[in-house]
Amino acid sequence: MAPLKIRLLGPLKLYAGKEEIEIDVKGEAKLREVLKDLVKRESSLSRAIEQDGRVKPGYLIFINDADYMVFEGLETVVRNSDVITILPVSHGGADV
C-alpha cells in the first residue's frame, strides 16, 4: 500500500525544499499525530503547524481534497494512501 502523502503548496514547498513528503502510517493515525510528526521531521513547517499538531492561522489542511474540518478536525483518522495537502492562505487588501 502506498504511504500517506503530504503535499506542500505555495511557499511551503520552497521552505521544505520539496513538494511532497511521504509518511508510512502503521494502521491508522489521527491527523494531529501525523502533523506533530511532520514538524519534527521537517522543522521548516513550523510556520504552518504548531509543535502540538494544531494548524496555525493562515493555513488550510485538506485530506483527500476535503477540508479537514468537515471530518473530525485534528481527530480525523488518516491511513496510508491518503493525501494531506497544506495550503497557505494569502490575500491582500485593496489600496484606497
PDB file of N, CA and C in Angstrom:
ATOM      1  N   MET A   1       0.845  -1.180   0.000  1.00  0.00           N
ATOM      2  CA  MET A   1       0.000   0.000   0.000  1.00  0.00           C
ATOM      3  C   MET A   1       0.892   1.246   0.000  1.00  0.00           C
ATOM      4  N   ALA A   2       0.465   2.220  -0.726  1.00  0.00           N
ATOM      5  CA  ALA A   2       1.231   3.469  -0.840  1.00  0.00           C
ATOM      6  C   ALA A   2       1.232   4.209   0.490  1.00  0.00           C
ATOM      7  N   PRO A   3       2.333   4.887   0.809  1.00  0.00           N
ATOM      8  CA  PRO A   3       2.383   5.658   2.059  1.00  0.00           C
ATOM      9  C   PRO A   3       1.458   6.869   1.998  1.00  0.00           C
ATOM     10  N   LEU A   4       1.193   7.447   3.151  1.00  0.00           N
ATOM     11  CA  LEU A   4       0.437   8.681   3.235  1.00  0.00           C
ATOM     12  C   LEU A   4       1.296   9.782   2.613  1.00  0.00           C
ATOM     13  N   LYS A   5       0.693  10.612   1.789  1.00  0.00           N
ATOM     14  CA  LYS A   5       1.433  11.699   1.146  1.00  0.00           C
ATOM     15  C   LYS A   5       0.993  13.033   1.715  1.00  0.00           C
ATOM     16  N   ILE A   6       1.966  13.896   1.906  1.00  0.00           N
ATOM     17  CA  ILE A   6       1.685  15.256   2.345  1.00  0.00           C
ATOM     18  C   ILE A   6       2.187  16.193   1.255  1.00  0.00           C
ATOM     19  N   ARG A   7       1.251  16.896   0.638  1.00  0.00           N
ATOM     20  CA  ARG A   7       1.578  17.832  -0.436  1.00  0.00           C
ATOM     21  C   ARG A   7       1.730  19.223   0.145  1.00  0.00           C
ATOM     22  N   LEU A   8       2.788  19.901  -0.237  1.00  0.00           N
ATOM     23  CA  LEU A   8       3.064  21.255   0.230  1.00  0.00           C
ATOM     24  C   LEU A   8       2.848  22.227  -0.923  1.00  0.00           C
ATOM     25  N   LEU A   9       2.063  23.236  -0.700  1.00  0.00           N
ATOM     26  CA  LEU A   9       1.769  24.200  -1.755  1.00  0.00           C
ATOM     27  C   LEU A   9       2.345  25.572  -1.412  1.00  0.00           C
ATOM     28  N   GLY A  10       2.455  26.394  -2.441  1.00  0.00           N
ATOM     29  CA  GLY A  10       2.939  27.760  -2.270  1.00  0.00           C
ATOM     30  C   GLY A  10       4.352  27.795  -1.699  1.00  0.00           C
ATOM     31  N   PRO A  11       4.634  28.771  -0.845  1.00  0.00           N
ATOM     32  CA  PRO A  11       5.990  28.909  -0.310  1.00  0.00           C
ATOM     33  C   PRO A  11       6.412  27.748   0.597  1.00  0.00           C
ATOM     34  N   LEU A  12       5.465  26.962   1.097  1.00  0.00           N
ATOM     35  CA  LEU A  12       5.847  25.835   1.957  1.00  0.00           C
ATOM     36  C   LEU A  12       6.777  24.865   1.243  1.00  0.00           C
ATOM     37  N   LYS A  13       6.549  24.663  -0.057  1.00  0.00           N
ATOM     38  CA  LYS A  13       7.429  23.738  -0.777  1.00  0.00           C
ATOM     39  C   LYS A  13       8.832  24.328  -0.934  1.00  0.00           C
ATOM     40  N   LEU A  14       8.929  25.651  -0.975  1.00  0.00           N
ATOM     41  CA  LEU A  14      10.248  26.282  -1.028  1.00  0.00           C
ATOM     42  C   LEU A  14      10.966  26.156   0.314  1.00  0.00           C
ATOM     43  N   TYR A  15      10.236  26.387   1.401  1.00  0.00           N
ATOM     44  CA  TYR A  15      10.843  26.286   2.738  1.00  0.00           C
ATOM     45  C   TYR A  15      11.341  24.863   3.000  1.00  0.00           C
ATOM     46  N   ALA A  16      10.539  23.870   2.609  1.00  0.00           N
ATOM     47  CA  ALA A  16      10.895  22.468   2.860  1.00  0.00           C
ATOM     48  C   ALA A  16      11.854  21.920   1.814  1.00  0.00           C
ATOM     49  N   GLY A  17      11.918  22.588   0.662  1.00  0.00           N
ATOM     50  CA  GLY A  17      12.791  22.116  -0.414  1.00  0.00           C
ATOM     51  C   GLY A  17      12.230  20.927  -1.163  1.00  0.00           C
ATOM     52  N   LYS A  18      10.929  20.692  -1.014  1.00  0.00           N
ATOM     53  CA  LYS A  18      10.266  19.589  -1.713  1.00  0.00           C
ATOM     54  C   LYS A  18       8.767  19.852  -1.757  1.00  0.00           C
ATOM     55  N   GLU A  19       8.124  19.222  -2.718  1.00  0.00           N
ATOM     56  CA  GLU A  19       6.685  19.410  -2.879  1.00  0.00           C
ATOM     57  C   GLU A  19       5.868  18.358  -2.147  1.00  0.00           C
ATOM     58  N   GLU A  20       6.515  17.274  -1.773  1.00  0.00           N
ATOM     59  CA  GLU A  20       5.769  16.164  -1.188  1.00  0.00           C
ATOM     60  C   GLU A  20       6.625  15.424  -0.167  1.00  0.00           C
ATOM     61  N   ILE A  21       5.978  15.006   0.909  1.00  0.00           N
ATOM     62  CA  ILE A  21       6.629  14.204   1.944  1.00  0.00           C
ATOM     63  C   ILE A  21       5.784  12.953   2.127  1.00  0.00           C
ATOM     64  N   GLU A  22       6.426  11.813   2.200  1.00  0.00           N
ATOM     65  CA  GLU A  22       5.707  10.560   2.413  1.00  0.00           C
ATOM     66  C   GLU A  22       5.970  10.054   3.823  1.00  0.00           C
ATOM     67  N   ILE A  23       4.902   9.572   4.462  1.00  0.00           N
ATOM     68  CA  ILE A  23       4.993   9.002   5.806  1.00  0.00           C
ATOM     69  C   ILE A  23       4.291   7.656   5.790  1.00  0.00           C
ATOM     70  N   ASP A  24       4.947   6.662   6.334  1.00  0.00           N
ATOM     71  CA  ASP A  24       4.330   5.341   6.436  1.00  0.00           C
ATOM     72  C   ASP A  24       3.562   5.270   7.744  1.00  0.00           C
ATOM     73  N   VAL A  25       2.255   5.161   7.661  1.00  0.00           N
ATOM     74  CA  VAL A  25       1.401   5.094   8.840  1.00  0.00           C
ATOM     75  C   VAL A  25       1.139   3.631   9.161  1.00  0.00           C
ATOM     76  N   LYS A  26       1.370   3.269  10.391  1.00  0.00           N
ATOM     77  CA  LYS A  26       1.100   1.900  10.831  1.00  0.00           C
ATOM     78  C   LYS A  26      -0.379   1.806  11.182  1.00  0.00           C
ATOM     79  N   GLY A  27      -1.163   1.209  10.312  1.00  0.00           N
ATOM     80  CA  GLY A  27      -2.611   1.104  10.549  1.00  0.00           C
ATOM     81  C   GLY A  27      -3.298   2.431  10.329  1.00  0.00           C
ATOM     82  N   GLU A  28      -3.686   3.062  11.441  1.00  0.00           N
ATOM     83  CA  GLU A  28      -4.366   4.353  11.393  1.00  0.00           C
ATOM     84  C   GLU A  28      -3.670   5.324  12.342  1.00  0.00           C
ATOM     85  N   ALA A  29      -3.823   6.602  12.067  1.00  0.00           N
ATOM     86  CA  ALA A  29      -3.292   7.632  12.962  1.00  0.00           C
ATOM     87  C   ALA A  29      -4.227   8.828  12.900  1.00  0.00           C
ATOM     88  N   LYS A  30      -4.273   9.581  13.976  1.00  0.00           N
ATOM     89  CA  LYS A  30      -5.056  10.813  13.960  1.00  0.00           C
ATOM     90  C   LYS A  30      -4.243  11.893  13.280  1.00  0.00           C
ATOM     91  N   LEU A  31      -4.938  12.769  12.585  1.00  0.00           N
ATOM     92  CA  LEU A  31      -4.280  13.858  11.859  1.00  0.00           C
ATOM     93  C   LEU A  31      -3.337  14.635  12.768  1.00  0.00           C
ATOM     94  N   ARG A  32      -3.747  14.916  13.989  1.00  0.00           N
ATOM     95  CA  ARG A  32      -2.902  15.667  14.925  1.00  0.00           C
ATOM     96  C   ARG A  32      -1.540  14.987  15.102  1.00  0.00           C
ATOM     97  N   GLU A  33      -1.530  13.668  15.250  1.00  0.00           N
ATOM     98  CA  GLU A  33      -0.278  12.931  15.449  1.00  0.00           C
ATOM     99  C   GLU A  33       0.603  12.984  14.199  1.00  0.00           C
ATOM    100  N   VAL A  34      -0.023  12.891  13.038  1.00  0.00           N
ATOM    101  CA  VAL A  34       0.734  12.971  11.781  1.00  0.00           C
ATOM    102  C   VAL A  34       1.376  14.350  11.645  1.00  0.00           C
ATOM    103  N   LEU A  35       0.624  15.398  11.968  1.00  0.00           N
ATOM    104  CA  LEU A  35       1.156  16.760  11.856  1.00  0.00           C
ATOM    105  C   LEU A  35       2.271  17.007  12.871  1.00  0.00           C
ATOM    106  N   LYS A  36       2.134  16.474  14.087  1.00  0.00           N
ATOM    107  CA  LYS A  36       3.208  16.593  15.086  1.00  0.00           C
ATOM    108  C   LYS A  36       4.480  15.922  14.577  1.00  0.00           C
ATOM    109  N   ASP A  37       4.329  14.739  14.016  1.00  0.00           N
ATOM    110  CA  ASP A  37       5.475  14.007  13.467  1.00  0.00           C
ATOM    111  C   ASP A  37       6.087  14.768  12.294  1.00  0.00           C
ATOM    112  N   LEU A  38       5.235  15.359  11.475  1.00  0.00           N
ATOM    113  CA  LEU A  38       5.702  16.107  10.312  1.00  0.00           C
ATOM    114  C   LEU A  38       6.594  17.274  10.721  1.00  0.00           C
ATOM    115  N   VAL A  39       6.205  18.025  11.744  1.00  0.00           N
ATOM    116  CA  VAL A  39       7.003  19.168  12.198  1.00  0.00           C
ATOM    117  C   VAL A  39       8.338  18.697  12.771  1.00  0.00           C
ATOM    118  N   LYS A  40       8.343  17.545  13.424  1.00  0.00           N
ATOM    119  CA  LYS A  40       9.601  17.001  13.936  1.00  0.00           C
ATOM    120  C   LYS A  40      10.538  16.624  12.793  1.00  0.00           C
ATOM    121  N   ARG A  41       9.974  16.069  11.718  1.00  0.00           N
ATOM    122  CA  ARG A  41      10.776  15.663  10.559  1.00  0.00           C
ATOM    123  C   ARG A  41      11.255  16.850   9.734  1.00  0.00           C
ATOM    124  N   GLU A  42      10.384  17.838   9.602  1.00  0.00           N
ATOM    125  CA  GLU A  42      10.667  18.979   8.729  1.00  0.00           C
ATOM    126  C   GLU A  42      10.371  20.260   9.503  1.00  0.00           C
ATOM    127  N   SER A  43      11.376  20.769  10.210  1.00  0.00           N
ATOM    128  CA  SER A  43      11.174  21.910  11.108  1.00  0.00           C
ATOM    129  C   SER A  43      10.704  23.172  10.385  1.00  0.00           C
ATOM    130  N   SER A  44      10.979  23.294   9.106  1.00  0.00           N
ATOM    131  CA  SER A  44      10.542  24.486   8.367  1.00  0.00           C
ATOM    132  C   SER A  44       9.015  24.596   8.326  1.00  0.00           C
ATOM    133  N   LEU A  45       8.327  23.486   8.547  1.00  0.00           N
ATOM    134  CA  LEU A  45       6.866  23.507   8.508  1.00  0.00           C
ATOM    135  C   LEU A  45       6.257  24.034   9.807  1.00  0.00           C
ATOM    136  N   SER A  46       7.113  24.413  10.756  1.00  0.00           N
ATOM    137  CA  SER A  46       6.599  25.035  11.978  1.00  0.00           C
ATOM    138  C   SER A  46       5.975  26.393  11.663  1.00  0.00           C
ATOM    139  N   ARG A  47       6.183  26.882  10.472  1.00  0.00           N
ATOM    140  CA  ARG A  47       5.497  28.107  10.023  1.00  0.00           C
ATOM    141  C   ARG A  47       3.996  27.865   9.927  1.00  0.00           C
ATOM    142  N   ALA A  48       3.609  26.611   9.633  1.00  0.00           N
ATOM    143  CA  ALA A  48       2.205  26.283   9.404  1.00  0.00           C
ATOM    144  C   ALA A  48       1.584  25.454  10.522  1.00  0.00           C
ATOM    145  N   ILE A  49       2.413  24.729  11.272  1.00  0.00           N
ATOM    146  CA  ILE A  49       1.898  23.767  12.247  1.00  0.00           C
ATOM    147  C   ILE A  49       2.598  23.969  13.587  1.00  0.00           C
ATOM    148  N   GLU A  50       1.804  24.037  14.639  1.00  0.00           N
ATOM    149  CA  GLU A  50       2.351  24.136  15.993  1.00  0.00           C
ATOM    150  C   GLU A  50       2.999  22.805  16.382  1.00  0.00           C
ATOM    151  N   GLN A  51       3.870  22.821  17.388  1.00  0.00           N
ATOM    152  CA  GLN A  51       4.528  21.598  17.846  1.00  0.00           C
ATOM    153  C   GLN A  51       3.531  20.546  18.336  1.00  0.00           C
ATOM    154  N   ASP A  52       2.369  20.988  18.801  1.00  0.00           N
ATOM    155  CA  ASP A  52       1.359  20.041  19.286  1.00  0.00           C
ATOM    156  C   ASP A  52       0.410  19.565  18.185  1.00  0.00           C
ATOM    157  N   GLY A  53       0.693  19.948  16.935  1.00  0.00           N
ATOM    158  CA  GLY A  53      -0.102  19.482  15.802  1.00  0.00           C
ATOM    159  C   GLY A  53      -1.226  20.401  15.372  1.00  0.00           C
ATOM    160  N   ARG A  54      -1.461  21.488  16.112  1.00  0.00           N
ATOM    161  CA  ARG A  54      -2.502  22.424  15.685  1.00  0.00           C
ATOM    162  C   ARG A  54      -2.055  23.204  14.450  1.00  0.00           C
ATOM    163  N   VAL A  55      -3.025  23.559  13.637  1.00  0.00           N
ATOM    164  CA  VAL A  55      -2.753  24.316  12.414  1.00  0.00           C
ATOM    165  C   VAL A  55      -2.738  25.803  12.757  1.00  0.00           C
ATOM    166  N   LYS A  56      -1.711  26.505  12.324  1.00  0.00           N
ATOM    167  CA  LYS A  56      -1.610  27.940  12.595  1.00  0.00           C
ATOM    168  C   LYS A  56      -2.577  28.715  11.701  1.00  0.00           C
ATOM    169  N   PRO A  57      -2.999  29.901  12.162  1.00  0.00           N
ATOM    170  CA  PRO A  57      -3.849  30.746  11.323  1.00  0.00           C
ATOM    171  C   PRO A  57      -3.154  31.040   9.993  1.00  0.00           C
ATOM    172  N   GLY A  58      -3.937  31.098   8.940  1.00  0.00           N
ATOM    173  CA  GLY A  58      -3.385  31.406   7.625  1.00  0.00           C
ATOM    174  C   GLY A  58      -3.061  30.168   6.803  1.00  0.00           C
ATOM    175  N   TYR A  59      -3.403  28.983   7.322  1.00  0.00           N
ATOM    176  CA  TYR A  59      -3.137  27.739   6.596  1.00  0.00           C
ATOM    177  C   TYR A  59      -4.381  26.862   6.612  1.00  0.00           C
ATOM    178  N   LEU A  60      -4.588  26.185   5.509  1.00  0.00           N
ATOM    179  CA  LEU A  60      -5.683  25.226   5.387  1.00  0.00           C
ATOM    180  C   LEU A  60      -5.102  23.831   5.223  1.00  0.00           C
ATOM    181  N   ILE A  61      -5.803  22.847   5.769  1.00  0.00           N
ATOM    182  CA  ILE A  61      -5.405  21.451   5.624  1.00  0.00           C
ATOM    183  C   ILE A  61      -6.538  20.708   4.933  1.00  0.00           C
ATOM    184  N   PHE A  62      -6.188  19.959   3.927  1.00  0.00           N
ATOM    185  CA  PHE A  62      -7.159  19.136   3.215  1.00  0.00           C
ATOM    186  C   PHE A  62      -6.747  17.676   3.326  1.00  0.00           C
ATOM    187  N   ILE A  63      -7.723  16.811   3.492  1.00  0.00           N
ATOM    188  CA  ILE A  63      -7.497  15.370   3.459  1.00  0.00           C
ATOM    189  C   ILE A  63      -8.256  14.850   2.248  1.00  0.00           C
ATOM    190  N   ASN A  64      -7.520  14.299   1.305  1.00  0.00           N
ATOM    191  CA  ASN A  64      -8.127  13.807   0.059  1.00  0.00           C
ATOM    192  C   ASN A  64      -9.033  14.875  -0.565  1.00  0.00           C
ATOM    193  N   ASP A  65      -8.520  16.100  -0.630  1.00  0.00           N
ATOM    194  CA  ASP A  65      -9.169  17.252  -1.266  1.00  0.00           C
ATOM    195  C   ASP A  65     -10.394  17.794  -0.544  1.00  0.00           C
ATOM    196  N   ALA A  66     -10.601  17.418   0.724  1.00  0.00           N
ATOM    197  CA  ALA A  66     -11.704  17.978   1.515  1.00  0.00           C
ATOM    198  C   ALA A  66     -11.121  18.611   2.785  1.00  0.00           C
ATOM    199  N   ASP A  67     -11.648  19.772   3.158  1.00  0.00           N
ATOM    200  CA  ASP A  67     -11.191  20.466   4.360  1.00  0.00           C
ATOM    201  C   ASP A  67     -11.302  19.529   5.567  1.00  0.00           C
ATOM    202  N   TYR A  68     -10.233  19.431   6.339  1.00  0.00           N
ATOM    203  CA  TYR A  68     -10.218  18.500   7.473  1.00  0.00           C
ATOM    204  C   TYR A  68     -11.307  18.806   8.492  1.00  0.00           C
ATOM    205  N   MET A  69     -11.814  20.029   8.519  1.00  0.00           N
ATOM    206  CA  MET A  69     -12.855  20.403   9.473  1.00  0.00           C
ATOM    207  C   MET A  69     -14.218  19.800   9.137  1.00  0.00           C
ATOM    208  N   VAL A  70     -14.423  19.327   7.910  1.00  0.00           N
ATOM    209  CA  VAL A  70     -15.692  18.673   7.585  1.00  0.00           C
ATOM    210  C   VAL A  70     -15.713  17.239   8.122  1.00  0.00           C
ATOM    211  N   PHE A  71     -14.571  16.772   8.572  1.00  0.00           N
ATOM    212  CA  PHE A  71     -14.490  15.441   9.177  1.00  0.00           C
ATOM    213  C   PHE A  71     -14.500  15.643  10.696  1.00  0.00           C
ATOM    214  N   GLU A  72     -13.472  15.206  11.362  1.00  0.00           N
ATOM    215  CA  GLU A  72     -13.390  15.352  12.814  1.00  0.00           C
ATOM    216  C   GLU A  72     -12.224  16.244  13.217  1.00  0.00           C
ATOM    217  N   GLY A  73     -11.910  17.223  12.386  1.00  0.00           N
ATOM    218  CA  GLY A  73     -10.824  18.143  12.689  1.00  0.00           C
ATOM    219  C   GLY A  73      -9.515  17.405  12.881  1.00  0.00           C
ATOM    220  N   LEU A  74      -8.769  17.758  13.894  1.00  0.00           N
ATOM    221  CA  LEU A  74      -7.467  17.142  14.141  1.00  0.00           C
ATOM    222  C   LEU A  74      -7.586  15.704  14.638  1.00  0.00           C
ATOM    223  N   GLU A  75      -8.785  15.297  14.998  1.00  0.00           N
ATOM    224  CA  GLU A  75      -9.005  13.914  15.452  1.00  0.00           C
ATOM    225  C   GLU A  75      -9.375  12.984  14.291  1.00  0.00           C
ATOM    226  N   THR A  76      -9.395  13.503  13.077  1.00  0.00           N
ATOM    227  CA  THR A  76      -9.702  12.690  11.897  1.00  0.00           C
ATOM    228  C   THR A  76      -8.657  11.596  11.743  1.00  0.00           C
ATOM    229  N   VAL A  77      -9.121  10.393  11.456  1.00  0.00           N
ATOM    230  CA  VAL A  77      -8.225   9.255  11.257  1.00  0.00           C
ATOM    231  C   VAL A  77      -7.747   9.253   9.806  1.00  0.00           C
ATOM    232  N   VAL A  78      -6.437   9.121   9.638  1.00  0.00           N
ATOM    233  CA  VAL A  78      -5.843   9.019   8.301  1.00  0.00           C
ATOM    234  C   VAL A  78      -5.078   7.709   8.206  1.00  0.00           C
ATOM    235  N   ARG A  79      -4.860   7.266   6.967  1.00  0.00           N
ATOM    236  CA  ARG A  79      -4.192   5.999   6.701  1.00  0.00           C
ATOM    237  C   ARG A  79      -3.231   6.164   5.533  1.00  0.00           C
ATOM    238  N   ASN A  80      -2.420   5.151   5.329  1.00  0.00           N
ATOM    239  CA  ASN A  80      -1.602   5.123   4.116  1.00  0.00           C
ATOM    240  C   ASN A  80      -2.524   5.259   2.917  1.00  0.00           C
ATOM    241  N   SER A  81      -2.029   5.818   1.860  1.00  0.00           N
ATOM    242  CA  SER A  81      -2.710   6.117   0.592  1.00  0.00           C
ATOM    243  C   SER A  81      -3.587   7.368   0.663  1.00  0.00           C
ATOM    244  N   ASP A  82      -3.784   7.962   1.849  1.00  0.00           N
ATOM    245  CA  ASP A  82      -4.468   9.252   1.918  1.00  0.00           C
ATOM    246  C   ASP A  82      -3.496  10.346   1.474  1.00  0.00           C
ATOM    247  N   VAL A  83      -4.057  11.483   1.092  1.00  0.00           N
ATOM    248  CA  VAL A  83      -3.244  12.642   0.708  1.00  0.00           C
ATOM    249  C   VAL A  83      -3.670  13.826   1.558  1.00  0.00           C
ATOM    250  N   ILE A  84      -2.706  14.372   2.285  1.00  0.00           N
ATOM    251  CA  ILE A  84      -2.925  15.577   3.080  1.00  0.00           C
ATOM    252  C   ILE A  84      -2.264  16.731   2.329  1.00  0.00           C
ATOM    253  N   THR A  85      -3.009  17.799   2.141  1.00  0.00           N
ATOM    254  CA  THR A  85      -2.476  18.974   1.449  1.00  0.00           C
ATOM    255  C   THR A  85      -2.457  20.139   2.433  1.00  0.00           C
ATOM    256  N   ILE A  86      -1.333  20.838   2.487  1.00  0.00           N
ATOM    257  CA  ILE A  86      -1.217  22.025   3.342  1.00  0.00           C
ATOM    258  C   ILE A  86      -1.119  23.236   2.413  1.00  0.00           C
ATOM    259  N   LEU A  87      -2.073  24.121   2.569  1.00  0.00           N
ATOM    260  CA  LEU A  87      -2.212  25.267   1.677  1.00  0.00           C
ATOM    261  C   LEU A  87      -2.139  26.576   2.457  1.00  0.00           C
ATOM    262  N   PRO A  88      -1.167  27.416   2.167  1.00  0.00           N
ATOM    263  CA  PRO A  88      -1.143  28.737   2.794  1.00  0.00           C
ATOM    264  C   PRO A  88      -2.223  29.609   2.158  1.00  0.00           C
ATOM    265  N   VAL A  89      -2.919  30.343   2.998  1.00  0.00           N
ATOM    266  CA  VAL A  89      -3.938  31.251   2.506  1.00  0.00           C
ATOM    267  C   VAL A  89      -3.296  32.631   2.463  1.00  0.00           C
ATOM    268  N   SER A  90      -3.191  33.175   1.291  1.00  0.00           N
ATOM    269  CA  SER A  90      -2.619  34.514   1.191  1.00  0.00           C
ATOM    270  C   SER A  90      -3.598  35.403   0.426  1.00  0.00           C
ATOM    271  N   HIS A  91      -3.775  36.561   0.960  1.00  0.00           N
ATOM    272  CA  HIS A  91      -4.666  37.521   0.303  1.00  0.00           C
ATOM    273  C   HIS A  91      -4.200  38.909   0.695  1.00  0.00           C
ATOM    274  N   GLY A  92      -4.592  39.827  -0.088  1.00  0.00           N
ATOM    275  CA  GLY A  92      -4.207  41.195   0.180  1.00  0.00           C
ATOM    276  C   GLY A  92      -5.427  42.089   0.187  1.00  0.00           C
ATOM    277  N   GLY A  93      -5.202  43.294   0.559  1.00  0.00           N
ATOM    278  CA  GLY A  93      -6.287  44.261   0.565  1.00  0.00           C
ATOM    279  C   GLY A  93      -6.130  45.216  -0.607  1.00  0.00           C
ATOM    280  N   ALA A  94      -7.131  45.968  -0.832  1.00  0.00           N
ATOM    281  CA  ALA A  94      -7.085  46.949  -1.922  1.00  0.00           C
ATOM    282  C   ALA A  94      -6.499  48.253  -1.406  1.00  0.00           C
ATOM    283  N   ASP A  95      -5.702  48.878  -2.228  1.00  0.00           N
ATOM    284  CA  ASP A  95      -5.207  50.210  -1.893  1.00  0.00           C
ATOM    285  C   ASP A  95      -6.326  51.203  -2.118  1.00  0.00           C
ATOM    286  N   VAL A  96      -6.549  52.043  -1.152  1.00  0.00           N
ATOM    287  CA  VAL A  96      -7.647  53.012  -1.262  1.00  0.00           C
ATOM    288  C   VAL A  96      -7.090  54.394  -1.403  1.00  0.00           C
TER     289      VAL A  96
END
